[in-house]
Amino acid sequence: MDVTVTVNEAFNRDVLARYPEEACGLVIGGEYHPCTNVHEEPKGAFRIAGAERIALELKHGPVQAVLHSHPYDIAKSREFILAKYNPAWASVPDQKGFMDDNVPWGIVSTDGQGVSDFVWLTDEPRSMERRQFEWFTSDCYAVVRDWYALNTNIRLPNFTREWEFWLKGLNIIEEGLETIPFARKLPANEANVGDMAVFQVVGAKVVNHVGVICGDNQLLHIFPNGGYFAHTARWDQWKHKAKYVVRYEP
């Protein structure tokens, strides 16, 4: 999603003015409307009161997007670089809030001096062309979900994902996949085009990667060692790493 220059400038001013607290607001009628952050810990989270949102909608029309910021201390920027982590990526509460809402969410990060580009959370499937890694919005599961949406009539559900969940032994992906009623597990050597490949890689104790068999001997996925862009790899070079494949038969 894109916002107008006017909306972007108004939001950026609000972000810098409210640092080190999270700024938040709504895009309605093509204009940015700042909202009070009523969260108990506004330096690390945000919440817009339902009454304020309803009042703005009654006055100006339906919400087009929810915007908020992730403030951080510039002294911690080296940690983000080493971890290859973008502080504008969606937190688990962000992910849940977006999935419970019915409009796009835009997130920026700020050190109080500057404001990053938006990370957008939307339900619109994205193209794979030059698709760069972003946690939750363009991680391995998001890429697979979008491939199914763009190429089949299958719509996989979304679920929240904590950053580096595999280092904490959280079985998030496998538990999420098990909630899909029309999924069938098969050995990797029985994979067909359209199957999701499920992996447990880089020494993880839980499933931590997925891809999709998108063509003859082709695995579409997004993986850090592959340059952080969605790409196709040779399935025969990855098949031995797969724990199993999942076939969706709705």
Protein backbone atom coordinates (compact mmCIF):
# COMPACT_ATOMS: atom_id res chain seq x y z
CA MET A 1 0.00 0.00 0.00
CA ASP A 2 1.07 3.59 -0.62
CA VAL A 3 0.09 6.78 1.19
CA THR A 4 0.23 10.28 -0.18
CA VAL A 5 3.20 12.55 0.43
CA THR A 6 0.97 14.72 2.61
CA VAL A 7 -0.03 11.77 4.80
CA ASN A 8 3.56 10.56 5.01
CA GLU A 9 4.88 13.98 6.04
CA ALA A 10 2.13 14.50 8.64
CA PHE A 11 2.75 11.08 10.14
CA ASN A 12 6.53 11.57 10.23
CA ARG A 13 6.08 14.85 12.10
CA ASP A 14 3.87 13.10 14.62
CA VAL A 15 6.38 10.25 15.01
CA LEU A 16 9.27 12.60 15.79
CA ALA A 17 7.17 14.78 18.08
CA ARG A 18 6.11 11.83 20.21
CA TYR A 19 9.46 10.06 20.44
CA PRO A 20 10.37 8.10 22.59
CA GLU A 21 6.75 6.96 22.74
CA GLU A 22 5.02 5.14 19.91
CA ALA A 23 3.02 7.42 17.68
CA CYS A 24 -0.24 6.09 16.26
CA GLY A 25 -3.02 7.30 14.04
CA LEU A 26 -5.48 6.50 11.30
CA VAL A 27 -5.66 7.29 7.61
CA ILE A 28 -9.23 8.32 6.80
CA GLY A 29 -10.37 10.11 3.69
CA GLY A 30 -6.79 10.30 2.45
CA GLU A 31 -5.68 12.29 5.51
CA TYR A 32 -3.68 11.35 8.61
CA HIS A 33 -5.49 11.65 11.93
CA PRO A 34 -3.19 11.32 14.97
CA CYS A 35 -4.65 9.34 17.87
CA THR A 36 -3.87 9.15 21.57
CA ASN A 37 -1.72 6.17 22.51
CA VAL A 38 -3.60 4.81 25.52
CA HIS A 39 -1.37 1.78 26.08
CA GLU A 40 -0.01 1.34 29.61
CA GLU A 41 3.55 1.17 28.20
CA PRO A 42 3.53 3.66 25.29
CA LYS A 43 7.30 3.46 24.76
CA GLY A 44 6.98 -0.15 23.64
CA ALA A 45 3.43 -0.61 22.37
CA PHE A 46 0.34 1.26 21.26
CA ARG A 47 -3.41 1.09 21.54
CA ILE A 48 -6.04 3.39 20.06
CA ALA A 49 -9.18 3.67 22.15
CA GLY A 50 -12.19 2.19 20.41
CA ALA A 51 -14.25 5.26 21.22
CA GLU A 52 -11.73 7.54 19.51
CA ARG A 53 -11.62 5.35 16.39
CA ILE A 54 -15.40 5.19 16.17
CA ALA A 55 -15.69 8.97 16.60
CA LEU A 56 -13.20 9.58 13.79
CA GLU A 57 -14.99 7.13 11.51
CA LEU A 58 -18.35 8.73 12.18
CA LYS A 59 -16.92 12.15 11.38
CA HIS A 60 -14.59 11.38 8.46
CA GLY A 61 -15.48 7.94 7.07
CA PRO A 62 -14.04 4.41 7.15
CA VAL A 63 -10.46 3.77 8.21
CA GLN A 64 -8.12 3.18 5.27
CA ALA A 65 -5.00 2.28 7.28
CA VAL A 66 -3.61 2.14 10.81
CA LEU A 67 -0.15 3.71 11.25
CA HIS A 68 2.24 3.51 14.18
CA SER A 69 5.93 3.79 15.03
CA HIS A 70 8.57 1.65 16.72
CA PRO A 71 10.93 3.98 18.62
CA TYR A 72 14.40 2.72 19.51
CA ASP A 73 17.63 3.97 21.06
CA ILE A 74 20.29 4.82 18.47
CA ALA A 75 22.85 3.11 20.73
CA LYS A 76 21.15 -0.20 19.99
CA SER A 77 21.33 0.13 16.21
CA ARG A 78 24.46 -2.04 16.04
CA GLU A 79 22.48 -4.90 17.59
CA PHE A 80 19.91 -4.64 14.81
CA ILE A 81 22.64 -4.71 12.16
CA LEU A 82 24.33 -7.77 13.64
CA ALA A 83 21.00 -9.59 13.95
CA LYS A 84 19.88 -8.42 10.47
CA TYR A 85 16.75 -7.23 12.22
CA ASN A 86 14.64 -4.28 11.09
CA PRO A 87 13.09 -2.52 14.12
CA ALA A 88 10.09 -1.65 11.93
CA TRP A 89 9.18 -5.33 11.58
CA ALA A 90 5.86 -6.33 13.10
CA SER A 91 5.88 -7.52 16.69
CA VAL A 92 3.58 -10.35 17.75
CA PRO A 93 1.01 -7.85 19.17
CA ASP A 94 1.22 -5.95 15.85
CA GLN A 95 0.62 -9.17 13.93
CA LYS A 96 -2.37 -10.09 16.07
CA GLY A 97 -3.81 -6.58 15.92
CA PHE A 98 -3.52 -6.52 12.15
CA MET A 99 -5.13 -9.95 11.73
CA ASP A 100 -8.00 -8.90 14.00
CA ASP A 101 -8.47 -5.70 11.97
CA ASN A 102 -9.75 -5.35 8.42
CA VAL A 103 -7.41 -2.66 7.06
CA PRO A 104 -3.69 -2.40 6.23
CA TRP A 105 -1.23 -1.50 8.96
CA GLY A 106 1.87 0.62 8.32
CA ILE A 107 4.85 0.56 10.70
CA VAL A 108 7.96 2.75 10.77
CA SER A 109 10.96 2.80 13.11
CA THR A 110 12.57 5.92 14.52
CA ASP A 111 15.55 6.94 16.62
CA GLY A 112 14.05 10.36 17.26
CA GLN A 113 16.12 11.96 14.49
CA GLY A 114 14.82 10.21 11.39
CA VAL A 115 11.99 7.93 10.30
CA SER A 116 12.30 4.73 8.28
CA ASP A 117 10.24 3.65 5.29
CA PHE A 118 6.99 1.84 6.01
CA VAL A 119 6.69 -1.87 6.54
CA TRP A 120 3.17 -2.69 5.37
CA LEU A 121 0.93 -5.43 6.70
CA THR A 122 -1.80 -6.18 4.16
CA ASP A 123 -3.91 -9.11 3.00
CA GLU A 124 -3.03 -8.46 -0.64
CA PRO A 125 -0.69 -11.18 -2.00
CA ARG A 126 2.60 -9.77 -3.26
CA SER A 127 4.59 -10.64 -6.35
CA MET A 128 7.74 -12.73 -5.99
CA GLU A 129 9.77 -10.41 -8.22
CA ARG A 130 12.60 -8.83 -6.20
CA ARG A 131 10.71 -9.87 -3.07
CA GLN A 132 12.96 -9.06 -0.13
CA PHE A 133 12.84 -10.65 3.31
CA GLU A 134 10.72 -8.98 5.99
CA TRP A 135 9.63 -10.73 9.13
CA PHE A 136 5.96 -11.81 9.02
CA THR A 137 5.15 -9.81 5.86
CA SER A 138 7.73 -11.48 3.62
CA ASP A 139 9.25 -14.37 5.53
CA CYS A 140 9.23 -17.95 4.30
CA TYR A 141 5.62 -18.65 5.30
CA ALA A 142 4.35 -15.34 3.88
CA VAL A 143 6.00 -16.14 0.54
CA VAL A 144 4.37 -19.59 0.46
CA ARG A 145 0.95 -18.16 1.41
CA ASP A 146 1.20 -15.59 -1.36
CA TRP A 147 2.29 -18.17 -3.94
CA TYR A 148 -0.83 -20.22 -3.18
CA ALA A 149 -3.03 -17.11 -3.33
CA LEU A 150 -1.54 -16.05 -6.68
CA ASN A 151 -1.44 -19.46 -8.33
CA THR A 152 -4.23 -21.60 -6.84
CA ASN A 153 -7.62 -21.28 -5.16
CA ILE A 154 -6.05 -22.20 -1.81
CA ARG A 155 -6.01 -19.52 0.90
CA LEU A 156 -3.82 -20.54 3.79
CA PRO A 157 -4.54 -18.98 7.18
CA ASN A 158 -2.05 -16.67 8.82
CA PHE A 159 -0.67 -16.98 12.35
CA THR A 160 1.58 -14.92 14.61
CA ARG A 161 5.30 -15.63 14.58
CA GLU A 162 7.79 -14.46 17.17
CA TRP A 163 11.18 -13.39 15.78
CA GLU A 164 13.75 -16.21 16.12
CA PHE A 165 11.14 -18.50 17.68
CA TRP A 166 13.27 -21.51 16.75
CA LEU A 167 16.05 -20.39 19.10
CA LYS A 168 13.50 -20.58 21.93
CA GLY A 169 12.24 -24.02 20.92
CA LEU A 170 8.79 -22.72 19.98
CA ASN A 171 7.08 -24.99 17.45
CA ILE A 172 5.11 -22.14 15.88
CA ILE A 173 5.14 -23.16 12.21
CA GLU A 174 4.25 -26.80 12.72
CA GLU A 175 1.51 -25.94 15.20
CA GLY A 176 0.13 -23.41 12.72
CA LEU A 177 0.16 -25.88 9.84
CA GLU A 178 -1.64 -28.47 11.95
CA THR A 179 -4.67 -26.17 12.25
CA ILE A 180 -5.37 -26.47 8.51
CA PRO A 181 -8.02 -29.21 8.12
CA PHE A 182 -7.36 -30.03 4.45
CA ALA A 183 -3.62 -30.64 4.86
CA ARG A 184 -2.02 -34.06 4.37
CA LYS A 185 1.58 -34.90 5.33
CA LEU A 186 3.63 -36.95 2.89
CA PRO A 187 7.28 -38.06 2.67
CA ALA A 188 9.52 -35.65 0.80
CA ASN A 189 10.21 -38.21 -1.94
CA GLU A 190 6.49 -38.15 -2.83
CA ALA A 191 6.41 -34.38 -3.43
CA ASN A 192 4.39 -32.97 -6.31
CA VAL A 193 4.16 -29.47 -7.73
CA GLY A 194 2.06 -27.41 -5.33
CA ASP A 195 3.17 -29.17 -2.16
CA MET A 196 4.62 -27.20 0.74
CA ALA A 197 8.04 -28.43 1.86
CA VAL A 198 8.66 -28.28 5.61
CA PHE A 199 12.20 -28.03 6.99
CA GLN A 200 14.10 -28.15 10.26
CA VAL A 201 17.40 -26.48 9.37
CA VAL A 202 20.50 -24.76 10.84
CA GLY A 203 20.46 -27.02 13.86
CA ALA A 204 17.00 -25.97 15.05
CA LYS A 205 15.07 -28.29 17.35
CA VAL A 206 11.75 -27.31 15.74
CA VAL A 207 10.45 -26.70 12.22
CA ASN A 208 11.74 -23.30 11.15
CA HIS A 209 11.46 -23.06 7.36
CA VAL A 210 9.00 -23.75 4.55
CA GLY A 211 8.95 -23.48 0.78
CA VAL A 212 6.69 -24.58 -2.06
CA ILE A 213 7.36 -26.93 -4.97
CA CYS A 214 6.51 -24.45 -7.72
CA GLY A 215 7.63 -26.41 -10.80
CA ASP A 216 9.60 -29.38 -12.04
CA ASN A 217 12.54 -29.71 -9.60
CA GLN A 218 11.92 -26.14 -8.38
CA LEU A 219 11.57 -24.99 -4.77
CA LEU A 220 10.39 -21.43 -4.19
CA HIS A 221 11.45 -20.03 -0.85
CA ILE A 222 13.11 -17.12 0.88
CA PHE A 223 16.16 -17.97 2.94
CA PRO A 224 18.94 -15.84 4.44
CA ASN A 225 21.71 -17.83 2.77
CA GLY A 226 19.96 -17.25 -0.54
CA GLY A 227 20.47 -13.49 -0.37
CA TYR A 228 17.30 -12.53 1.50
CA PHE A 229 15.24 -12.50 -1.71
CA ALA A 230 12.52 -14.93 -2.78
CA HIS A 231 14.00 -17.28 -5.38
CA THR A 232 13.74 -20.75 -6.83
CA ALA A 233 16.28 -23.39 -5.88
CA ARG A 234 16.72 -26.96 -7.12
CA TRP A 235 14.40 -29.26 -5.19
CA ASP A 236 16.82 -32.18 -5.52
CA GLN A 237 19.38 -30.14 -3.57
CA TRP A 238 16.90 -29.44 -0.77
CA LYS A 239 14.77 -32.60 -0.68
CA HIS A 240 17.08 -34.42 1.74
CA LYS A 241 16.71 -31.51 4.20
CA ALA A 242 12.90 -31.64 4.18
CA LYS A 243 11.16 -33.18 7.18
CA TYR A 244 8.08 -33.82 5.04
CA VAL A 245 5.80 -32.10 2.52
CA VAL A 246 2.21 -30.96 3.00
CA ARG A 247 -0.40 -31.40 0.28
CA TYR A 248 -3.48 -29.20 0.45
CA GLU A 249 -6.70 -30.77 -0.83
CA PRO A 250 -9.58 -28.46 0.13
